[in-house]
């Protein structure tokens, strides 16, 4: 199964979390390696969508909010630099829509290189 093209990716998740430098759990430095910054949040959103549309989603777990899925693969960055990532999506119980939850480095893939 693939994540639907109308899945929700909140702007605040991109600009207020993933691309925002933080003291703990900072993902902005990791994403900057592939050219994703606060100056081009739309490019990160497009890369996340591309990965979700081209890769099978694997059901992970469920809770009262819905069913969680993982999409693992290469996030296509700028200037030919790609990042091995795991994205997490939620199919919401309340309305059945898919929503992007987070992205993290795929450390297992990095160890294989």
N, C-alpha and C. Protein backbone atom coordinates (compact mmCIF):
# COMPACT_ATOMS: atom_id res chain seq x y z
N UNK A 1 0.83 -1.17 0.00
CA UNK A 1 0.00 0.00 0.00
C UNK A 1 0.88 1.24 0.00
N UNK A 2 0.44 2.26 -0.71
CA UNK A 2 1.18 3.53 -0.72
C UNK A 2 0.34 4.61 -0.04
N UNK A 3 1.01 5.58 0.52
CA UNK A 3 0.33 6.70 1.16
C UNK A 3 -0.38 7.50 0.07
N UNK A 4 -1.65 7.86 0.26
CA UNK A 4 -2.39 8.59 -0.78
C UNK A 4 -1.81 9.98 -1.05
N UNK A 5 -2.03 10.46 -2.26
CA UNK A 5 -1.47 11.76 -2.66
C UNK A 5 -2.10 12.93 -1.90
N UNK A 6 -3.28 12.72 -1.32
CA UNK A 6 -3.92 13.81 -0.57
C UNK A 6 -3.57 13.77 0.93
N UNK A 7 -2.55 13.01 1.29
CA UNK A 7 -2.12 12.94 2.69
C UNK A 7 -1.71 14.33 3.18
N UNK A 8 -1.99 14.59 4.43
CA UNK A 8 -1.73 15.90 5.02
C UNK A 8 -0.29 15.96 5.53
N UNK A 9 0.42 17.01 5.09
CA UNK A 9 1.74 17.33 5.65
C UNK A 9 1.64 18.77 6.14
N UNK A 10 1.53 18.94 7.45
CA UNK A 10 1.36 20.28 8.03
C UNK A 10 2.63 21.11 7.84
N UNK A 11 2.44 22.36 7.40
CA UNK A 11 3.58 23.27 7.25
C UNK A 11 4.34 23.41 8.56
N UNK A 12 3.60 23.47 9.67
CA UNK A 12 4.24 23.63 10.98
C UNK A 12 5.15 22.46 11.32
N UNK A 13 4.84 21.27 10.83
CA UNK A 13 5.68 20.10 11.08
C UNK A 13 7.03 20.27 10.37
N UNK A 14 7.01 20.90 9.20
CA UNK A 14 8.23 21.11 8.43
C UNK A 14 9.04 22.28 9.01
N UNK A 15 8.40 23.46 9.10
CA UNK A 15 9.14 24.67 9.49
C UNK A 15 9.29 24.83 10.99
N UNK A 16 8.34 24.30 11.77
CA UNK A 16 8.39 24.49 13.21
C UNK A 16 8.98 23.32 13.97
N UNK A 17 9.35 22.27 13.24
CA UNK A 17 9.92 21.09 13.90
C UNK A 17 11.12 20.54 13.15
N UNK A 18 10.91 20.00 11.95
CA UNK A 18 12.00 19.31 11.24
C UNK A 18 13.14 20.24 10.86
N UNK A 19 12.84 21.45 10.41
CA UNK A 19 13.89 22.36 9.94
C UNK A 19 14.30 23.38 10.99
N UNK A 20 13.76 23.26 12.19
CA UNK A 20 14.06 24.20 13.27
C UNK A 20 15.20 23.64 14.14
N UNK A 21 16.31 24.39 14.25
CA UNK A 21 17.39 23.92 15.12
C UNK A 21 16.88 23.79 16.56
N UNK A 22 17.25 22.68 17.20
CA UNK A 22 16.76 22.40 18.55
C UNK A 22 17.91 21.88 19.41
N UNK A 23 17.76 22.05 20.72
CA UNK A 23 18.76 21.53 21.66
C UNK A 23 18.77 20.00 21.65
N UNK A 24 17.58 19.40 21.65
CA UNK A 24 17.47 17.94 21.65
C UNK A 24 16.69 17.49 20.42
N UNK A 25 17.02 16.32 19.94
CA UNK A 25 16.32 15.73 18.80
C UNK A 25 16.32 16.66 17.59
N UNK A 26 17.46 17.28 17.32
CA UNK A 26 17.60 18.22 16.20
C UNK A 26 17.72 17.45 14.89
N UNK A 27 16.75 17.64 14.01
CA UNK A 27 16.78 16.99 12.70
C UNK A 27 17.24 17.96 11.62
N UNK A 28 17.33 19.25 11.96
CA UNK A 28 17.67 20.26 10.96
C UNK A 28 19.08 20.06 10.39
N UNK A 29 20.03 19.67 11.22
CA UNK A 29 21.40 19.47 10.73
C UNK A 29 21.47 18.28 9.78
N UNK A 30 20.76 17.21 10.14
CA UNK A 30 20.70 16.03 9.28
C UNK A 30 20.11 16.41 7.92
N UNK A 31 18.99 17.13 7.92
CA UNK A 31 18.32 17.50 6.67
C UNK A 31 19.14 18.51 5.86
N UNK A 32 19.90 19.36 6.55
CA UNK A 32 20.74 20.34 5.85
C UNK A 32 21.82 19.66 5.01
N UNK A 33 22.22 18.44 5.37
CA UNK A 33 23.21 17.71 4.58
C UNK A 33 22.75 17.51 3.14
N UNK A 34 21.44 17.47 2.94
CA UNK A 34 20.89 17.28 1.60
C UNK A 34 20.33 18.60 1.04
N UNK A 35 20.64 19.71 1.71
CA UNK A 35 20.25 21.02 1.20
C UNK A 35 18.89 21.53 1.66
N UNK A 36 18.24 20.82 2.58
CA UNK A 36 16.93 21.26 3.08
C UNK A 36 17.12 22.22 4.25
N UNK A 37 16.59 23.44 4.11
CA UNK A 37 16.74 24.46 5.15
C UNK A 37 15.42 25.21 5.33
N UNK A 38 15.42 26.13 6.28
CA UNK A 38 14.25 26.99 6.51
C UNK A 38 13.94 27.85 5.28
N UNK A 39 14.93 28.04 4.41
CA UNK A 39 14.73 28.85 3.21
C UNK A 39 13.97 28.13 2.11
N UNK A 40 13.87 26.79 2.19
CA UNK A 40 13.20 26.03 1.12
C UNK A 40 12.31 24.90 1.67
N UNK A 41 11.42 25.20 2.60
CA UNK A 41 10.62 24.14 3.21
C UNK A 41 9.76 23.37 2.21
N UNK A 42 9.36 24.03 1.14
CA UNK A 42 8.53 23.36 0.13
C UNK A 42 9.29 22.22 -0.56
N UNK A 43 10.61 22.33 -0.64
CA UNK A 43 11.40 21.26 -1.26
C UNK A 43 11.44 20.02 -0.37
N UNK A 44 11.51 20.22 0.93
CA UNK A 44 11.47 19.07 1.85
C UNK A 44 10.10 18.41 1.78
N UNK A 45 9.05 19.20 1.77
CA UNK A 45 7.70 18.65 1.70
C UNK A 45 7.53 17.85 0.41
N UNK A 46 8.03 18.37 -0.69
CA UNK A 46 7.93 17.66 -1.98
C UNK A 46 8.73 16.35 -1.95
N UNK A 47 9.90 16.36 -1.33
CA UNK A 47 10.72 15.15 -1.24
C UNK A 47 10.05 14.09 -0.38
N UNK A 48 9.40 14.51 0.69
CA UNK A 48 8.66 13.57 1.55
C UNK A 48 7.51 12.95 0.77
N UNK A 49 6.78 13.78 0.03
CA UNK A 49 5.67 13.26 -0.80
C UNK A 49 6.18 12.28 -1.85
N UNK A 50 7.29 12.62 -2.49
CA UNK A 50 7.86 11.76 -3.53
C UNK A 50 8.20 10.38 -2.96
N UNK A 51 8.83 10.37 -1.79
CA UNK A 51 9.16 9.10 -1.15
C UNK A 51 7.89 8.31 -0.83
N UNK A 52 6.89 8.99 -0.29
CA UNK A 52 5.64 8.31 0.09
C UNK A 52 4.90 7.76 -1.12
N UNK A 53 5.00 8.44 -2.26
CA UNK A 53 4.29 7.99 -3.47
C UNK A 53 5.02 6.88 -4.20
N UNK A 54 6.32 6.75 -3.95
CA UNK A 54 7.11 5.78 -4.72
C UNK A 54 7.48 4.52 -3.92
N UNK A 55 7.15 4.49 -2.64
CA UNK A 55 7.59 3.40 -1.77
C UNK A 55 6.40 2.84 -0.99
N UNK A 56 6.41 1.53 -0.82
CA UNK A 56 5.33 0.88 -0.07
C UNK A 56 5.37 1.28 1.41
N UNK A 57 4.19 1.53 1.95
CA UNK A 57 4.05 1.82 3.38
C UNK A 57 3.83 0.50 4.12
N UNK A 58 4.50 0.35 5.24
CA UNK A 58 4.40 -0.85 6.07
C UNK A 58 3.63 -0.51 7.34
N UNK A 59 2.56 -1.25 7.60
CA UNK A 59 1.80 -1.00 8.82
C UNK A 59 2.68 -1.28 10.03
N UNK A 60 2.64 -0.37 11.00
CA UNK A 60 3.52 -0.47 12.16
C UNK A 60 2.73 -0.83 13.42
N UNK A 61 1.87 0.04 13.87
CA UNK A 61 1.11 -0.19 15.09
C UNK A 61 -0.17 0.62 15.02
N UNK A 62 -1.02 0.45 16.01
CA UNK A 62 -2.21 1.29 16.08
C UNK A 62 -2.50 1.66 17.52
N UNK A 63 -3.28 2.73 17.67
CA UNK A 63 -3.73 3.16 18.99
C UNK A 63 -5.07 3.88 18.80
N UNK A 64 -5.48 4.62 19.81
CA UNK A 64 -6.79 5.29 19.72
C UNK A 64 -6.86 6.34 18.62
N UNK A 65 -5.70 6.83 18.14
CA UNK A 65 -5.67 7.85 17.10
C UNK A 65 -5.76 7.28 15.70
N UNK A 66 -5.39 6.02 15.54
CA UNK A 66 -5.45 5.40 14.23
C UNK A 66 -4.34 4.38 14.02
N UNK A 67 -4.05 4.13 12.75
CA UNK A 67 -3.04 3.14 12.36
C UNK A 67 -1.80 3.88 11.85
N UNK A 68 -0.65 3.51 12.39
CA UNK A 68 0.61 4.12 11.99
C UNK A 68 1.28 3.27 10.91
N UNK A 69 1.92 3.96 9.96
CA UNK A 69 2.65 3.32 8.87
C UNK A 69 4.04 3.91 8.80
N UNK A 70 4.99 3.08 8.35
CA UNK A 70 6.37 3.52 8.09
C UNK A 70 6.64 3.45 6.60
N UNK A 71 7.31 4.47 6.10
CA UNK A 71 7.81 4.45 4.73
C UNK A 71 9.32 4.68 4.84
N UNK A 72 10.09 3.69 4.42
CA UNK A 72 11.55 3.73 4.55
C UNK A 72 12.17 3.84 3.17
N UNK A 73 13.13 4.74 3.03
CA UNK A 73 13.80 4.87 1.73
C UNK A 73 14.72 6.07 1.68
N UNK A 74 15.01 6.49 0.46
CA UNK A 74 15.93 7.60 0.22
C UNK A 74 15.13 8.88 -0.02
N UNK A 75 15.43 9.90 0.77
CA UNK A 75 14.87 11.22 0.56
C UNK A 75 15.77 11.91 -0.45
N UNK A 76 15.22 12.27 -1.60
CA UNK A 76 16.03 12.86 -2.67
C UNK A 76 16.30 14.32 -2.35
N UNK A 77 17.57 14.63 -2.12
CA UNK A 77 17.96 15.97 -1.74
C UNK A 77 18.43 16.80 -2.92
N UNK A 78 18.97 17.94 -2.60
CA UNK A 78 19.49 18.86 -3.60
C UNK A 78 20.93 18.49 -3.93
N UNK A 79 21.37 18.83 -5.10
CA UNK A 79 22.76 18.62 -5.53
C UNK A 79 23.19 17.16 -5.44
N UNK A 80 22.25 16.24 -5.67
CA UNK A 80 22.60 14.83 -5.73
C UNK A 80 22.84 14.15 -4.40
N UNK A 81 22.58 14.82 -3.30
CA UNK A 81 22.78 14.22 -1.97
C UNK A 81 21.45 13.67 -1.46
N UNK A 82 21.38 12.37 -1.23
CA UNK A 82 20.17 11.74 -0.72
C UNK A 82 20.39 11.32 0.73
N UNK A 83 19.29 11.19 1.46
CA UNK A 83 19.35 10.80 2.86
C UNK A 83 18.50 9.55 3.09
N UNK A 84 19.04 8.59 3.83
CA UNK A 84 18.28 7.39 4.21
C UNK A 84 17.40 7.76 5.40
N UNK A 85 16.08 7.62 5.21
CA UNK A 85 15.14 8.06 6.25
C UNK A 85 14.03 7.03 6.47
N UNK A 86 13.37 7.21 7.59
CA UNK A 86 12.11 6.53 7.89
C UNK A 86 11.09 7.63 8.13
N UNK A 87 9.99 7.61 7.38
CA UNK A 87 8.91 8.55 7.64
C UNK A 87 7.78 7.79 8.32
N UNK A 88 7.07 8.48 9.19
CA UNK A 88 5.96 7.88 9.93
C UNK A 88 4.68 8.64 9.56
N UNK A 89 3.65 7.87 9.27
CA UNK A 89 2.35 8.40 8.85
C UNK A 89 1.27 7.80 9.73
N UNK A 90 0.17 8.53 9.88
CA UNK A 90 -0.97 8.06 10.66
C UNK A 90 -2.22 8.11 9.79
N UNK A 91 -2.92 6.98 9.71
CA UNK A 91 -4.26 6.99 9.12
C UNK A 91 -5.21 7.21 10.28
N UNK A 92 -5.80 8.41 10.33
CA UNK A 92 -6.58 8.83 11.48
C UNK A 92 -7.89 8.06 11.61
N UNK A 93 -8.20 7.64 12.82
CA UNK A 93 -9.45 6.95 13.10
C UNK A 93 -10.64 7.87 12.85
N UNK A 94 -10.51 9.13 13.22
CA UNK A 94 -11.63 10.07 13.18
C UNK A 94 -12.19 10.30 11.77
N UNK A 95 -11.31 10.34 10.75
CA UNK A 95 -11.80 10.64 9.40
C UNK A 95 -11.16 9.79 8.30
N UNK A 96 -10.25 8.88 8.66
CA UNK A 96 -9.62 8.00 7.68
C UNK A 96 -8.52 8.65 6.87
N UNK A 97 -8.26 9.94 7.08
CA UNK A 97 -7.22 10.63 6.31
C UNK A 97 -5.83 10.26 6.82
N UNK A 98 -4.86 10.36 5.92
CA UNK A 98 -3.46 10.11 6.27
C UNK A 98 -2.79 11.43 6.61
N UNK A 99 -1.94 11.38 7.64
CA UNK A 99 -1.23 12.57 8.10
C UNK A 99 0.22 12.21 8.37
N UNK A 100 1.13 13.06 7.88
CA UNK A 100 2.56 12.90 8.15
C UNK A 100 2.82 13.20 9.63
N UNK A 101 3.56 12.31 10.29
CA UNK A 101 3.86 12.48 11.71
C UNK A 101 5.29 12.95 11.93
N UNK A 102 6.26 12.23 11.38
CA UNK A 102 7.65 12.63 11.57
C UNK A 102 8.56 11.92 10.58
N UNK A 103 9.81 12.31 10.63
CA UNK A 103 10.87 11.75 9.80
C UNK A 103 12.08 11.57 10.71
N UNK A 104 12.81 10.49 10.50
CA UNK A 104 14.04 10.29 11.27
C UNK A 104 15.08 9.62 10.39
N UNK A 105 16.35 9.81 10.72
CA UNK A 105 17.40 9.14 9.95
C UNK A 105 17.25 7.63 10.07
N UNK A 106 17.50 6.93 8.98
CA UNK A 106 17.49 5.47 9.00
C UNK A 106 18.92 5.02 9.31
N UNK A 107 19.19 4.85 10.58
CA UNK A 107 20.56 4.52 11.01
C UNK A 107 20.99 3.14 10.55
N UNK A 108 20.05 2.22 10.41
CA UNK A 108 20.41 0.88 9.92
C UNK A 108 20.95 0.96 8.50
N UNK A 109 20.32 1.77 7.66
CA UNK A 109 20.78 1.93 6.29
C UNK A 109 22.15 2.59 6.25
N UNK A 110 22.36 3.57 7.12
CA UNK A 110 23.65 4.27 7.17
C UNK A 110 24.76 3.32 7.57
N UNK A 111 24.46 2.36 8.43
CA UNK A 111 25.48 1.39 8.86
C UNK A 111 25.87 0.44 7.73
N UNK A 112 24.97 0.26 6.76
CA UNK A 112 25.25 -0.65 5.66
C UNK A 112 26.19 -0.04 4.62
N UNK A 113 26.29 1.29 4.60
CA UNK A 113 27.08 1.96 3.57
C UNK A 113 28.56 1.82 3.78
